Amino acid sequence: MTQRTMEIAVGLFMIAGLAAVLFLALKVSGLSLQSAGNTYTVYANFNDIGGLRPRGRVSMAGVTVGSIDSITLEPETFQARVSLAIRSDVDNIPADSSAVIRTSGLLGEQYIDISIGGDMESLAEGDTFYSTQSAMNLERMISNFASGR
């Protein structure tokens, strides 16, 4: 009888451990089991996206307001076109706002930060950010410094 109880306890412990590992993996990767809810899509074009990835966060004033849907290459301009899914309750982003790629944390996670403008018009479904700031490329900065540029 005690052998059976011990086996059940070990089994429950293993299930709890696997659930904890799954939870941590979802948190680290930025994935979620929850649906995104109602969103609208806006776009931003960048010369260099660095380590930006789909499903990355989009924030305003430190508050997450959406996520990155996809990243494609524009064939005419050879810029990276980033599709942003913004929550529908955040529907008053001024049209002259800018999208900036920033880095957070020790692991260097990159995300898009929306710097608020002052325009009275707001971005709508399918609009594109006029002003963007690409990712800071540390290797390029060191190379320019070393070569004296």
N, C-alpha and C. Protein backbone atom coordinates (compact mmCIF):
# COMPACT_ATOMS: atom_id res chain seq x y z
N MET A 1 0.82 -1.20 0.00
CA MET A 1 0.00 0.00 0.00
C MET A 1 0.87 1.26 0.00
N THR A 2 1.93 1.29 0.81
CA THR A 2 2.79 2.47 0.85
C THR A 2 3.56 2.63 -0.45
N GLN A 3 3.88 1.51 -1.12
CA GLN A 3 4.55 1.57 -2.41
C GLN A 3 3.67 2.30 -3.42
N ARG A 4 2.39 1.98 -3.44
CA ARG A 4 1.44 2.60 -4.38
C ARG A 4 1.28 4.09 -4.08
N THR A 5 1.22 4.46 -2.82
CA THR A 5 1.10 5.86 -2.42
C THR A 5 2.34 6.64 -2.86
N MET A 6 3.49 6.04 -2.69
CA MET A 6 4.74 6.68 -3.09
C MET A 6 4.77 6.90 -4.61
N GLU A 7 4.32 5.94 -5.40
CA GLU A 7 4.29 6.06 -6.85
C GLU A 7 3.34 7.17 -7.30
N ILE A 8 2.20 7.27 -6.65
CA ILE A 8 1.24 8.33 -6.97
C ILE A 8 1.83 9.69 -6.63
N ALA A 9 2.50 9.82 -5.50
CA ALA A 9 3.10 11.09 -5.10
C ALA A 9 4.19 11.51 -6.08
N VAL A 10 5.02 10.56 -6.50
CA VAL A 10 6.08 10.86 -7.46
C VAL A 10 5.48 11.27 -8.80
N GLY A 11 4.44 10.59 -9.22
CA GLY A 11 3.76 10.94 -10.48
C GLY A 11 3.18 12.34 -10.44
N LEU A 12 2.52 12.71 -9.35
CA LEU A 12 1.97 14.06 -9.20
C LEU A 12 3.08 15.11 -9.18
N PHE A 13 4.18 14.78 -8.53
CA PHE A 13 5.32 15.69 -8.49
C PHE A 13 5.88 15.91 -9.90
N MET A 14 5.98 14.86 -10.69
CA MET A 14 6.48 14.96 -12.07
C MET A 14 5.53 15.80 -12.93
N ILE A 15 4.23 15.62 -12.78
CA ILE A 15 3.26 16.42 -13.54
C ILE A 15 3.36 17.89 -13.17
N ALA A 16 3.50 18.18 -11.88
CA ALA A 16 3.65 19.57 -11.44
C ALA A 16 4.94 20.18 -11.98
N GLY A 17 6.01 19.41 -12.02
CA GLY A 17 7.28 19.90 -12.56
C GLY A 17 7.19 20.19 -14.04
N LEU A 18 6.54 19.32 -14.81
CA LEU A 18 6.36 19.55 -16.24
C LEU A 18 5.48 20.77 -16.50
N ALA A 19 4.45 20.96 -15.69
CA ALA A 19 3.59 22.14 -15.83
C ALA A 19 4.39 23.42 -15.55
N ALA A 20 5.28 23.38 -14.55
CA ALA A 20 6.10 24.55 -14.24
C ALA A 20 7.07 24.86 -15.38
N VAL A 21 7.67 23.83 -15.97
CA VAL A 21 8.58 24.05 -17.10
C VAL A 21 7.83 24.62 -18.29
N LEU A 22 6.62 24.13 -18.57
CA LEU A 22 5.81 24.66 -19.67
C LEU A 22 5.46 26.12 -19.43
N PHE A 23 5.08 26.46 -18.21
CA PHE A 23 4.76 27.83 -17.85
C PHE A 23 5.96 28.76 -18.06
N LEU A 24 7.13 28.34 -17.58
CA LEU A 24 8.34 29.16 -17.75
C LEU A 24 8.72 29.31 -19.22
N ALA A 25 8.57 28.24 -20.00
CA ALA A 25 8.89 28.31 -21.43
C ALA A 25 7.98 29.31 -22.14
N LEU A 26 6.70 29.31 -21.80
CA LEU A 26 5.77 30.26 -22.41
C LEU A 26 6.11 31.69 -22.01
N LYS A 27 6.49 31.91 -20.76
CA LYS A 27 6.83 33.26 -20.30
C LYS A 27 8.09 33.78 -20.97
N VAL A 28 9.12 32.95 -21.08
CA VAL A 28 10.39 33.37 -21.66
C VAL A 28 10.24 33.64 -23.15
N SER A 29 9.45 32.83 -23.85
CA SER A 29 9.32 32.97 -25.30
C SER A 29 8.34 34.07 -25.69
N GLY A 30 7.55 34.57 -24.76
CA GLY A 30 6.59 35.62 -25.06
C GLY A 30 5.29 35.09 -25.61
N LEU A 31 5.13 33.79 -25.67
CA LEU A 31 3.89 33.20 -26.15
C LEU A 31 2.84 33.25 -25.05
N SER A 32 1.59 33.09 -25.45
CA SER A 32 0.51 33.12 -24.48
C SER A 32 -0.56 32.14 -24.90
N LEU A 33 -1.23 31.55 -23.94
CA LEU A 33 -2.34 30.66 -24.24
C LEU A 33 -3.63 31.44 -24.45
N GLN A 34 -3.62 32.73 -24.12
CA GLN A 34 -4.79 33.58 -24.28
C GLN A 34 -4.84 34.12 -25.70
N SER A 35 -6.04 34.34 -26.21
CA SER A 35 -6.16 34.94 -27.53
C SER A 35 -5.85 36.43 -27.44
N ALA A 36 -5.43 37.01 -28.55
CA ALA A 36 -5.03 38.41 -28.56
C ALA A 36 -6.22 39.35 -28.40
N GLY A 37 -7.43 38.90 -28.70
CA GLY A 37 -8.60 39.76 -28.62
C GLY A 37 -8.72 40.59 -29.88
N ASN A 38 -9.51 41.66 -29.81
CA ASN A 38 -9.72 42.53 -30.96
C ASN A 38 -8.52 43.44 -31.14
N THR A 39 -7.98 43.45 -32.37
CA THR A 39 -6.84 44.29 -32.68
C THR A 39 -7.04 44.96 -34.04
N TYR A 40 -6.25 45.97 -34.30
CA TYR A 40 -6.17 46.56 -35.64
C TYR A 40 -4.70 46.62 -36.03
N THR A 41 -4.43 46.67 -37.32
CA THR A 41 -3.07 46.57 -37.83
C THR A 41 -2.56 47.91 -38.34
N VAL A 42 -1.37 48.27 -37.88
CA VAL A 42 -0.64 49.42 -38.42
C VAL A 42 0.75 48.92 -38.81
N TYR A 43 1.46 49.70 -39.61
CA TYR A 43 2.75 49.28 -40.14
C TYR A 43 3.84 50.28 -39.79
N ALA A 44 5.08 49.78 -39.76
CA ALA A 44 6.25 50.63 -39.56
C ALA A 44 7.37 50.10 -40.45
N ASN A 45 8.08 50.99 -41.13
CA ASN A 45 9.20 50.61 -41.99
C ASN A 45 10.51 51.00 -41.33
N PHE A 46 11.46 50.05 -41.30
CA PHE A 46 12.75 50.28 -40.66
C PHE A 46 13.89 49.92 -41.62
N ASN A 47 15.02 50.64 -41.50
CA ASN A 47 16.21 50.30 -42.27
C ASN A 47 16.90 49.07 -41.69
N ASP A 48 16.84 48.90 -40.36
CA ASP A 48 17.50 47.78 -39.69
C ASP A 48 16.66 47.40 -38.48
N ILE A 49 16.20 46.15 -38.44
CA ILE A 49 15.38 45.72 -37.31
C ILE A 49 16.17 45.01 -36.23
N GLY A 50 17.47 44.78 -36.44
CA GLY A 50 18.29 44.12 -35.43
C GLY A 50 17.75 42.74 -35.12
N GLY A 51 17.46 42.46 -33.86
CA GLY A 51 16.97 41.16 -33.43
C GLY A 51 15.48 41.13 -33.17
N LEU A 52 14.73 42.03 -33.79
CA LEU A 52 13.29 42.08 -33.60
C LEU A 52 12.65 40.81 -34.15
N ARG A 53 11.67 40.26 -33.45
CA ARG A 53 11.04 39.00 -33.84
C ARG A 53 9.52 39.14 -33.82
N PRO A 54 8.83 38.34 -34.67
CA PRO A 54 7.37 38.28 -34.57
C PRO A 54 6.96 37.84 -33.15
N ARG A 55 5.80 38.28 -32.71
CA ARG A 55 5.25 38.05 -31.38
C ARG A 55 5.95 38.87 -30.31
N GLY A 56 6.86 39.77 -30.73
CA GLY A 56 7.48 40.69 -29.78
C GLY A 56 6.45 41.71 -29.32
N ARG A 57 6.77 42.41 -28.27
CA ARG A 57 5.78 43.35 -27.73
C ARG A 57 5.89 44.73 -28.35
N VAL A 58 4.77 45.42 -28.31
CA VAL A 58 4.68 46.82 -28.72
C VAL A 58 4.18 47.57 -27.49
N SER A 59 4.88 48.63 -27.11
CA SER A 59 4.49 49.33 -25.89
C SER A 59 4.43 50.84 -26.09
N MET A 60 3.68 51.47 -25.22
CA MET A 60 3.59 52.93 -25.13
C MET A 60 3.74 53.28 -23.66
N ALA A 61 4.69 54.13 -23.34
CA ALA A 61 4.93 54.56 -21.97
C ALA A 61 5.14 53.36 -21.04
N GLY A 62 5.76 52.29 -21.55
CA GLY A 62 6.05 51.12 -20.75
C GLY A 62 4.91 50.13 -20.62
N VAL A 63 3.74 50.44 -21.20
CA VAL A 63 2.57 49.56 -21.12
C VAL A 63 2.43 48.81 -22.44
N THR A 64 2.30 47.50 -22.38
CA THR A 64 2.15 46.70 -23.59
C THR A 64 0.78 46.95 -24.21
N VAL A 65 0.78 47.40 -25.49
CA VAL A 65 -0.46 47.72 -26.17
C VAL A 65 -0.70 46.85 -27.40
N GLY A 66 0.22 45.96 -27.69
CA GLY A 66 0.06 45.10 -28.85
C GLY A 66 1.24 44.18 -29.03
N SER A 67 1.31 43.59 -30.22
CA SER A 67 2.40 42.67 -30.53
C SER A 67 2.77 42.80 -32.01
N ILE A 68 3.92 42.24 -32.34
CA ILE A 68 4.40 42.25 -33.72
C ILE A 68 3.82 41.04 -34.43
N ASP A 69 3.08 41.29 -35.51
CA ASP A 69 2.47 40.20 -36.29
C ASP A 69 3.47 39.55 -37.22
N SER A 70 4.09 40.35 -38.07
CA SER A 70 5.00 39.80 -39.07
C SER A 70 6.04 40.83 -39.47
N ILE A 71 7.12 40.32 -40.08
CA ILE A 71 8.18 41.18 -40.59
C ILE A 71 8.49 40.71 -42.01
N THR A 72 8.39 41.64 -42.96
CA THR A 72 8.66 41.32 -44.36
C THR A 72 9.61 42.34 -44.94
N LEU A 73 10.14 42.04 -46.13
CA LEU A 73 11.03 42.96 -46.81
C LEU A 73 10.27 43.62 -47.94
N GLU A 74 10.27 44.96 -47.95
CA GLU A 74 9.63 45.72 -49.02
C GLU A 74 10.51 45.67 -50.26
N PRO A 75 10.01 45.15 -51.39
CA PRO A 75 10.86 45.01 -52.57
C PRO A 75 11.24 46.34 -53.23
N GLU A 76 10.44 47.39 -53.07
CA GLU A 76 10.75 48.67 -53.70
C GLU A 76 11.79 49.46 -52.91
N THR A 77 11.65 49.50 -51.60
CA THR A 77 12.52 50.34 -50.76
C THR A 77 13.62 49.54 -50.06
N PHE A 78 13.53 48.23 -50.08
CA PHE A 78 14.47 47.34 -49.38
C PHE A 78 14.53 47.65 -47.89
N GLN A 79 13.39 48.02 -47.34
CA GLN A 79 13.26 48.23 -45.90
C GLN A 79 12.45 47.09 -45.30
N ALA A 80 12.64 46.88 -44.01
CA ALA A 80 11.84 45.89 -43.30
C ALA A 80 10.49 46.51 -42.97
N ARG A 81 9.40 45.84 -43.36
CA ARG A 81 8.05 46.31 -43.06
C ARG A 81 7.51 45.46 -41.92
N VAL A 82 7.24 46.11 -40.80
CA VAL A 82 6.78 45.41 -39.60
C VAL A 82 5.30 45.66 -39.42
N SER A 83 4.54 44.59 -39.31
CA SER A 83 3.10 44.67 -39.10
C SER A 83 2.82 44.57 -37.60
N LEU A 84 2.15 45.58 -37.05
CA LEU A 84 1.87 45.65 -35.61
C LEU A 84 0.39 45.44 -35.35
N ALA A 85 0.06 44.52 -34.47
CA ALA A 85 -1.33 44.31 -34.05
C ALA A 85 -1.53 45.08 -32.74
N ILE A 86 -2.28 46.17 -32.81
CA ILE A 86 -2.53 47.03 -31.65
C ILE A 86 -3.92 46.72 -31.10
N ARG A 87 -4.03 46.63 -29.78
CA ARG A 87 -5.32 46.37 -29.15
C ARG A 87 -6.33 47.43 -29.55
N SER A 88 -7.57 47.01 -29.78
CA SER A 88 -8.58 47.94 -30.28
C SER A 88 -8.97 49.00 -29.25
N ASP A 89 -8.72 48.77 -27.97
CA ASP A 89 -9.04 49.80 -26.98
C ASP A 89 -8.01 50.94 -26.98
N VAL A 90 -6.88 50.75 -27.67
CA VAL A 90 -5.88 51.81 -27.82
C VAL A 90 -6.04 52.36 -29.23
N ASP A 91 -7.06 53.17 -29.42
CA ASP A 91 -7.42 53.62 -30.77
C ASP A 91 -7.15 55.10 -31.00
N ASN A 92 -6.35 55.71 -30.13
CA ASN A 92 -6.12 57.15 -30.26
C ASN A 92 -4.62 57.48 -30.33
N ILE A 93 -3.86 56.67 -31.05
CA ILE A 93 -2.43 56.95 -31.22
C ILE A 93 -2.30 58.09 -32.24
N PRO A 94 -1.71 59.22 -31.86
CA PRO A 94 -1.59 60.34 -32.80
C PRO A 94 -0.85 59.94 -34.08
N ALA A 95 -1.29 60.49 -35.21
CA ALA A 95 -0.75 60.12 -36.52
C ALA A 95 0.73 60.48 -36.68
N ASP A 96 1.23 61.47 -35.93
CA ASP A 96 2.64 61.84 -36.05
C ASP A 96 3.53 61.16 -35.02
N SER A 97 3.03 60.10 -34.39
CA SER A 97 3.83 59.33 -33.43
C SER A 97 4.94 58.59 -34.17
N SER A 98 5.97 58.20 -33.44
CA SER A 98 7.06 57.46 -34.08
C SER A 98 7.24 56.10 -33.41
N ALA A 99 7.72 55.13 -34.20
CA ALA A 99 7.99 53.78 -33.72
C ALA A 99 9.50 53.62 -33.59
N VAL A 100 9.95 53.24 -32.40
CA VAL A 100 11.37 53.13 -32.10
C VAL A 100 11.66 51.72 -31.62
N ILE A 101 12.71 51.10 -32.16
CA ILE A 101 13.12 49.78 -31.68
C ILE A 101 14.03 49.98 -30.48
N ARG A 102 13.64 49.39 -29.37
CA ARG A 102 14.42 49.52 -28.12
C ARG A 102 14.81 48.14 -27.61
N THR A 103 15.76 48.12 -26.69
CA THR A 103 16.22 46.88 -26.08
C THR A 103 15.94 46.94 -24.59
N SER A 104 15.45 45.82 -24.05
CA SER A 104 15.18 45.77 -22.61
C SER A 104 15.77 44.51 -22.01
N GLY A 105 16.07 44.58 -20.76
CA GLY A 105 16.52 43.41 -20.03
C GLY A 105 17.96 43.02 -20.32
N LEU A 106 18.45 42.08 -19.52
CA LEU A 106 19.81 41.60 -19.66
C LEU A 106 19.98 40.71 -20.89
N LEU A 107 18.91 40.06 -21.31
CA LEU A 107 18.98 39.17 -22.45
C LEU A 107 18.91 39.93 -23.77
N GLY A 108 18.64 41.22 -23.73
CA GLY A 108 18.61 42.03 -24.94
C GLY A 108 17.37 41.86 -25.76
N GLU A 109 16.24 41.57 -25.13
CA GLU A 109 14.98 41.45 -25.86
C GLU A 109 14.66 42.78 -26.53
N GLN A 110 14.35 42.73 -27.82
CA GLN A 110 14.01 43.96 -28.53
C GLN A 110 12.51 44.06 -28.72
N TYR A 111 12.01 45.28 -28.64
CA TYR A 111 10.58 45.53 -28.77
C TYR A 111 10.39 46.88 -29.44
N ILE A 112 9.16 47.18 -29.82
CA ILE A 112 8.86 48.46 -30.43
C ILE A 112 8.17 49.36 -29.41
N ASP A 113 8.74 50.55 -29.25
CA ASP A 113 8.19 51.54 -28.34
C ASP A 113 7.58 52.65 -29.19
N ILE A 114 6.34 52.98 -28.93
CA ILE A 114 5.67 54.05 -29.66
C ILE A 114 5.84 55.35 -28.87
N SER A 115 6.54 56.30 -29.49
CA SER A 115 6.72 57.63 -28.89
C SER A 115 5.58 58.51 -29.39
N ILE A 116 4.83 59.03 -28.46
CA ILE A 116 3.60 59.75 -28.78
C ILE A 116 3.89 61.11 -29.41
N GLY A 117 3.13 61.42 -30.45
CA GLY A 117 3.20 62.72 -31.12
C GLY A 117 2.12 63.64 -30.57
N GLY A 118 1.89 64.75 -31.27
CA GLY A 118 0.91 65.72 -30.80
C GLY A 118 -0.23 65.98 -31.77
N ASP A 119 -0.30 65.22 -32.85
CA ASP A 119 -1.32 65.43 -33.87
C ASP A 119 -2.71 65.09 -33.32
N MET A 120 -3.71 65.79 -33.83
CA MET A 120 -5.09 65.53 -33.39
C MET A 120 -5.67 64.30 -34.11
N GLU A 121 -5.18 63.97 -35.30
CA GLU A 121 -5.64 62.79 -36.01
C GLU A 121 -4.97 61.55 -35.43
N SER A 122 -5.68 60.43 -35.49
CA SER A 122 -5.16 59.18 -34.95
C SER A 122 -4.87 58.19 -36.07
N LEU A 123 -3.95 57.26 -35.78
CA LEU A 123 -3.68 56.18 -36.73
C LEU A 123 -4.88 55.26 -36.81
N ALA A 124 -5.18 54.78 -38.01
CA ALA A 124 -6.31 53.87 -38.21
C ALA A 124 -5.80 52.58 -38.84
N GLU A 125 -6.69 51.64 -39.01
CA GLU A 125 -6.37 50.35 -39.62
C GLU A 125 -5.63 50.56 -40.94
N GLY A 126 -4.45 49.93 -41.09
CA GLY A 126 -3.70 49.98 -42.33
C GLY A 126 -2.76 51.17 -42.48
N ASP A 127 -2.76 52.11 -41.53
CA ASP A 127 -1.86 53.26 -41.62
C ASP A 127 -0.42 52.85 -41.32
N THR A 128 0.51 53.72 -41.71
CA THR A 128 1.94 53.47 -41.50
C THR A 128 2.54 54.60 -40.69
N PHE A 129 3.41 54.26 -39.74
CA PHE A 129 4.12 55.27 -38.97
C PHE A 129 5.03 56.05 -39.92
N TYR A 130 4.94 57.36 -39.89
CA TYR A 130 5.75 58.21 -40.75
C TYR A 130 7.20 58.23 -40.26
N SER A 131 7.38 58.31 -38.96
CA SER A 131 8.71 58.41 -38.37
C SER A 131 9.06 57.12 -37.64
N THR A 132 10.22 56.56 -37.96
CA THR A 132 10.70 55.36 -37.26
C THR A 132 12.17 55.54 -36.93
N GLN A 133 12.63 54.77 -35.95
CA GLN A 133 14.05 54.77 -35.60
C GLN A 133 14.49 53.32 -35.51
N SER A 134 15.46 52.95 -36.32
CA SER A 134 15.93 51.57 -36.40
C SER A 134 16.69 51.16 -35.15
N ALA A 135 16.97 49.86 -35.08
CA ALA A 135 17.71 49.32 -33.95
C ALA A 135 19.15 49.82 -33.96
N MET A 136 19.69 50.00 -32.78
CA MET A 136 21.09 50.41 -32.66
C MET A 136 21.96 49.18 -32.89
N ASN A 137 22.86 49.24 -33.86
CA ASN A 137 23.71 48.12 -34.20
C ASN A 137 25.08 48.35 -33.56
N LEU A 138 25.37 47.60 -32.49
CA LEU A 138 26.59 47.80 -31.72
C LEU A 138 27.83 47.47 -32.56
N GLU A 139 27.76 46.42 -33.36
CA GLU A 139 28.91 46.05 -34.20
C GLU A 139 29.25 47.17 -35.19
N ARG A 140 28.22 47.78 -35.80
CA ARG A 140 28.45 48.86 -36.75
C ARG A 140 29.04 50.08 -36.05
N MET A 141 28.58 50.37 -34.84
CA MET A 141 29.12 51.51 -34.09
C MET A 141 30.59 51.30 -33.77
N ILE A 142 30.96 50.09 -33.35
CA ILE A 142 32.36 49.79 -33.02
C ILE A 142 33.21 49.88 -34.28
N SER A 143 32.70 49.36 -35.39
CA SER A 143 33.43 49.40 -36.66
C SER A 143 33.66 50.85 -37.10
N ASN A 144 32.63 51.69 -37.00
CA ASN A 144 32.78 53.10 -37.37
C ASN A 144 33.77 53.82 -36.46
N PHE A 145 33.74 53.50 -35.18
CA PHE A 145 34.66 54.13 -34.22
C PHE A 145 36.10 53.71 -34.52
N ALA A 146 36.28 52.41 -34.80
CA ALA A 146 37.63 51.90 -35.06
C ALA A 146 38.20 52.46 -36.36
N SER A 147 37.35 52.70 -37.35
CA SER A 147 37.84 53.20 -38.62
C SER A 147 37.92 54.74 -38.65
N GLY A 148 37.46 55.39 -37.60
CA GLY A 148 37.56 56.84 -37.50
C GLY A 148 36.45 57.60 -38.19
N ARG A 149 35.34 56.94 -38.52
CA ARG A 149 34.22 57.63 -39.18
C ARG A 149 33.29 58.24 -38.19
